[in-house]
Amino acid sequence: MNAEWTKLYEAARAVLNPRKVSDYVEAGEVSAAILSGSGRIYTGVCVDTACTLGICAERNAIFNMLTNGEQEIRKVLCLMGDGSCGAPCGACRELMVQLMPDSYRNIEFMMDLDTERIMTLGELTPEWWI
């Protein structure tokens, strides 16, 4: 795995921490790390709530990036509780498309760490409404 993906994996692994926050909220079962256009890494964890007000790890990381003044995403690694990687859900894809309508197709995702399988958002989302 190249150095950028290794750093993303380590950043996502560092915040992966499944825990029960309250009787109604669980957090940290999935984590994500995003490599921004500037080369900085932003992380986030999923937050699951009893009333569907939760958020995916990828969107949490994106909001962290936006909070810090950036908006360009180059790479995304989403780490599941079992240590595997996964593709973003539709809501996460939609946010990335709207955030980068002219270049979202180039965002790379680590799909499988063992085989180092990488896909772009353009491959995962070939025909979007934008």
C-alpha atoms as a PDB file:
ATOM      1  CA  MET A   1       0.000   0.000   0.000  1.00  0.00           C
ATOM      2  CA  ASN A   2       1.434   3.404  -0.899  1.00  0.00           C
ATOM      3  CA  ALA A   3       2.272   5.969   1.767  1.00  0.00           C
ATOM      4  CA  GLU A   4      -0.896   8.069   1.333  1.00  0.00           C
ATOM      5  CA  TRP A   5      -3.202   5.076   1.744  1.00  0.00           C
ATOM      6  CA  THR A   6      -1.155   3.856   4.716  1.00  0.00           C
ATOM      7  CA  LYS A   7      -1.538   7.253   6.422  1.00  0.00           C
ATOM      8  CA  LEU A   8      -5.281   7.239   5.718  1.00  0.00           C
ATOM      9  CA  TYR A   9      -5.603   3.728   7.149  1.00  0.00           C
ATOM     10  CA  GLU A  10      -3.657   4.691  10.286  1.00  0.00           C
ATOM     11  CA  ALA A  11      -5.758   7.840  10.762  1.00  0.00           C
ATOM     12  CA  ALA A  12      -9.028   5.918  10.378  1.00  0.00           C
ATOM     13  CA  ARG A  13      -7.777   3.152  12.680  1.00  0.00           C
ATOM     14  CA  ALA A  14      -6.843   5.727  15.343  1.00  0.00           C
ATOM     15  CA  VAL A  15     -10.448   6.968  15.665  1.00  0.00           C
ATOM     16  CA  LEU A  16     -12.224   3.613  15.252  1.00  0.00           C
ATOM     17  CA  ASN A  17     -13.651   3.149  18.739  1.00  0.00           C
ATOM     18  CA  PRO A  18     -17.098   1.522  18.990  1.00  0.00           C
ATOM     19  CA  ARG A  19     -18.891   2.742  22.076  1.00  0.00           C
ATOM     20  CA  LYS A  20     -22.304   3.344  23.556  1.00  0.00           C
ATOM     21  CA  VAL A  21     -22.641   7.049  24.295  1.00  0.00           C
ATOM     22  CA  SER A  22     -26.112   6.827  25.842  1.00  0.00           C
ATOM     23  CA  ASP A  23     -29.186   4.619  25.687  1.00  0.00           C
ATOM     24  CA  TYR A  24     -29.951   6.343  22.369  1.00  0.00           C
ATOM     25  CA  VAL A  25     -26.573   6.981  20.733  1.00  0.00           C
ATOM     26  CA  GLU A  26     -23.707   4.755  19.622  1.00  0.00           C
ATOM     27  CA  ALA A  27     -20.555   6.046  17.952  1.00  0.00           C
ATOM     28  CA  GLY A  28     -17.299   4.933  16.396  1.00  0.00           C
ATOM     29  CA  GLU A  29     -18.299   1.592  14.883  1.00  0.00           C
ATOM     30  CA  VAL A  30     -17.129   2.838  11.469  1.00  0.00           C
ATOM     31  CA  SER A  31     -14.422   5.433  10.837  1.00  0.00           C
ATOM     32  CA  ALA A  32     -13.258   7.339   7.788  1.00  0.00           C
ATOM     33  CA  ALA A  33     -10.207   9.304   6.745  1.00  0.00           C
ATOM     34  CA  ILE A  34     -10.157  11.793   3.888  1.00  0.00           C
ATOM     35  CA  LEU A  35      -7.121  13.132   2.073  1.00  0.00           C
ATOM     36  CA  SER A  36      -7.876  16.723   1.087  1.00  0.00           C
ATOM     37  CA  GLY A  37      -6.557  18.715  -1.817  1.00  0.00           C
ATOM     38  CA  SER A  38      -3.928  20.301   0.435  1.00  0.00           C
ATOM     39  CA  GLY A  39      -2.693  16.898   1.583  1.00  0.00           C
ATOM     40  CA  ARG A  40      -4.191  17.144   5.073  1.00  0.00           C
ATOM     41  CA  ILE A  41      -6.068  14.176   6.512  1.00  0.00           C
ATOM     42  CA  TYR A  42      -9.463  14.619   8.163  1.00  0.00           C
ATOM     43  CA  THR A  43     -11.231  11.901  10.129  1.00  0.00           C
ATOM     44  CA  GLY A  44     -14.727  11.152  11.297  1.00  0.00           C
ATOM     45  CA  VAL A  45     -16.727   8.351  12.892  1.00  0.00           C
ATOM     46  CA  CYS A  46     -20.274   7.182  12.380  1.00  0.00           C
ATOM     47  CA  VAL A  47     -22.827   8.252  14.944  1.00  0.00           C
ATOM     48  CA  ASP A  48     -25.978   6.127  15.153  1.00  0.00           C
ATOM     49  CA  THR A  49     -29.018   7.468  16.986  1.00  0.00           C
ATOM     50  CA  ALA A  50     -32.418   6.066  17.907  1.00  0.00           C
ATOM     51  CA  CYS A  51     -34.203   8.757  15.886  1.00  0.00           C
ATOM     52  CA  THR A  52     -32.129   8.671  12.643  1.00  0.00           C
ATOM     53  CA  LEU A  53     -30.267  11.914  13.379  1.00  0.00           C
ATOM     54  CA  GLY A  54     -26.939  10.123  13.089  1.00  0.00           C
ATOM     55  CA  ILE A  55     -24.264  10.541  10.483  1.00  0.00           C
ATOM     56  CA  CYS A  56     -21.922   8.349   8.455  1.00  0.00           C
ATOM     57  CA  ALA A  57     -18.198   8.424   9.131  1.00  0.00           C
ATOM     58  CA  GLU A  58     -17.428   9.776   5.647  1.00  0.00           C
ATOM     59  CA  ARG A  59     -19.798  12.740   5.957  1.00  0.00           C
ATOM     60  CA  ASN A  60     -18.498  13.399   9.461  1.00  0.00           C
ATOM     61  CA  ALA A  61     -14.942  13.549   8.037  1.00  0.00           C
ATOM     62  CA  ILE A  62     -16.129  15.794   5.184  1.00  0.00           C
ATOM     63  CA  PHE A  63     -17.753  18.185   7.656  1.00  0.00           C
ATOM     64  CA  ASN A  64     -14.505  18.191   9.648  1.00  0.00           C
ATOM     65  CA  MET A  65     -12.673  19.138   6.437  1.00  0.00           C
ATOM     66  CA  LEU A  66     -15.198  21.879   5.638  1.00  0.00           C
ATOM     67  CA  THR A  67     -14.961  23.204   9.196  1.00  0.00           C
ATOM     68  CA  ASN A  68     -11.230  23.568   8.653  1.00  0.00           C
ATOM     69  CA  GLY A  69     -11.670  25.589   5.461  1.00  0.00           C
ATOM     70  CA  GLU A  70     -11.131  22.980   2.763  1.00  0.00           C
ATOM     71  CA  GLN A  71     -13.486  21.500   0.194  1.00  0.00           C
ATOM     72  CA  GLU A  72     -11.440  19.310  -2.160  1.00  0.00           C
ATOM     73  CA  ILE A  73     -11.364  15.538  -1.575  1.00  0.00           C
ATOM     74  CA  ARG A  74      -8.686  13.379  -3.204  1.00  0.00           C
ATOM     75  CA  LYS A  75      -8.979  10.033  -1.403  1.00  0.00           C
ATOM     76  CA  VAL A  76     -11.328   8.349   1.070  1.00  0.00           C
ATOM     77  CA  LEU A  77     -10.791   5.295   3.239  1.00  0.00           C
ATOM     78  CA  CYS A  78     -13.739   3.991   5.234  1.00  0.00           C
ATOM     79  CA  LEU A  79     -12.850   1.422   7.898  1.00  0.00           C
ATOM     80  CA  MET A  80     -15.452  -1.013   9.212  1.00  0.00           C
ATOM     81  CA  GLY A  81     -15.366  -2.502  12.686  1.00  0.00           C
ATOM     82  CA  ASP A  82     -13.964  -5.776  11.341  1.00  0.00           C
ATOM     83  CA  GLY A  83     -11.007  -3.978   9.735  1.00  0.00           C
ATOM     84  CA  SER A  84     -12.290  -4.130   6.175  1.00  0.00           C
ATOM     85  CA  CYS A  85     -12.907  -1.155   3.896  1.00  0.00           C
ATOM     86  CA  GLY A  86     -16.187  -0.273   2.260  1.00  0.00           C
ATOM     87  CA  ALA A  87     -17.860   1.902  -0.336  1.00  0.00           C
ATOM     88  CA  PRO A  88     -19.705   5.072   0.651  1.00  0.00           C
ATOM     89  CA  CYS A  89     -23.486   5.025   0.954  1.00  0.00           C
ATOM     90  CA  GLY A  90     -25.724   7.014  -1.361  1.00  0.00           C
ATOM     91  CA  ALA A  91     -25.968  10.011   0.977  1.00  0.00           C
ATOM     92  CA  CYS A  92     -22.174  10.242   1.227  1.00  0.00           C
ATOM     93  CA  ARG A  93     -21.824   9.927  -2.543  1.00  0.00           C
ATOM     94  CA  GLU A  94     -24.437  12.639  -3.035  1.00  0.00           C
ATOM     95  CA  LEU A  95     -22.609  15.054  -0.728  1.00  0.00           C
ATOM     96  CA  MET A  96     -19.305  14.474  -2.533  1.00  0.00           C
ATOM     97  CA  VAL A  97     -20.927  14.971  -5.937  1.00  0.00           C
ATOM     98  CA  GLN A  98     -22.531  18.235  -4.832  1.00  0.00           C
ATOM     99  CA  LEU A  99     -19.330  19.387  -3.124  1.00  0.00           C
ATOM    100  CA  MET A 100     -17.206  18.769  -6.232  1.00  0.00           C
ATOM    101  CA  PRO A 101     -19.618  18.701  -9.209  1.00  0.00           C
ATOM    102  CA  ASP A 102     -16.903  19.214 -11.815  1.00  0.00           C
ATOM    103  CA  SER A 103     -14.358  16.748 -10.435  1.00  0.00           C
ATOM    104  CA  TYR A 104     -16.111  14.268  -8.125  1.00  0.00           C
ATOM    105  CA  ARG A 105     -15.434  11.461 -10.593  1.00  0.00           C
ATOM    106  CA  ASN A 106     -11.727  11.555  -9.638  1.00  0.00           C
ATOM    107  CA  ILE A 107     -12.141  10.938  -5.896  1.00  0.00           C
ATOM    108  CA  GLU A 108     -10.502   7.613  -5.061  1.00  0.00           C
ATOM    109  CA  PHE A 109     -11.816   5.054  -2.562  1.00  0.00           C
ATOM    110  CA  MET A 110      -9.967   2.156  -1.002  1.00  0.00           C
ATOM    111  CA  MET A 111     -12.354  -0.736  -1.512  1.00  0.00           C
ATOM    112  CA  ASP A 112     -10.213  -3.641  -0.278  1.00  0.00           C
ATOM    113  CA  LEU A 113      -7.033  -3.343   1.755  1.00  0.00           C
ATOM    114  CA  ASP A 114      -5.875  -6.910   1.124  1.00  0.00           C
ATOM    115  CA  THR A 115      -5.983  -6.613  -2.660  1.00  0.00           C
ATOM    116  CA  GLU A 116      -5.433  -2.823  -2.669  1.00  0.00           C
ATOM    117  CA  ARG A 117      -8.504  -2.462  -4.860  1.00  0.00           C
ATOM    118  CA  ILE A 118      -9.224   1.207  -5.527  1.00  0.00           C
ATOM    119  CA  MET A 119     -12.237   2.670  -7.313  1.00  0.00           C
ATOM    120  CA  THR A 120     -13.167   6.225  -8.196  1.00  0.00           C
ATOM    121  CA  LEU A 121     -16.427   7.928  -7.360  1.00  0.00           C
ATOM    122  CA  GLY A 122     -17.002   8.131 -11.109  1.00  0.00           C
ATOM    123  CA  GLU A 123     -16.910   4.328 -11.273  1.00  0.00           C
ATOM    124  CA  LEU A 124     -19.152   3.980  -8.208  1.00  0.00           C
ATOM    125  CA  THR A 125     -21.510   6.723  -9.380  1.00  0.00           C
ATOM    126  CA  PRO A 126     -21.398   6.641 -13.196  1.00  0.00           C
ATOM    127  CA  GLU A 127     -24.540   8.612 -13.939  1.00  0.00           C
ATOM    128  CA  TRP A 128     -25.587  11.161 -11.354  1.00  0.00           C
ATOM    129  CA  TRP A 129     -28.171  13.897 -11.701  1.00  0.00           C
ATOM    130  CA  ILE A 130     -25.614  16.741 -11.740  1.00  0.00           C
END
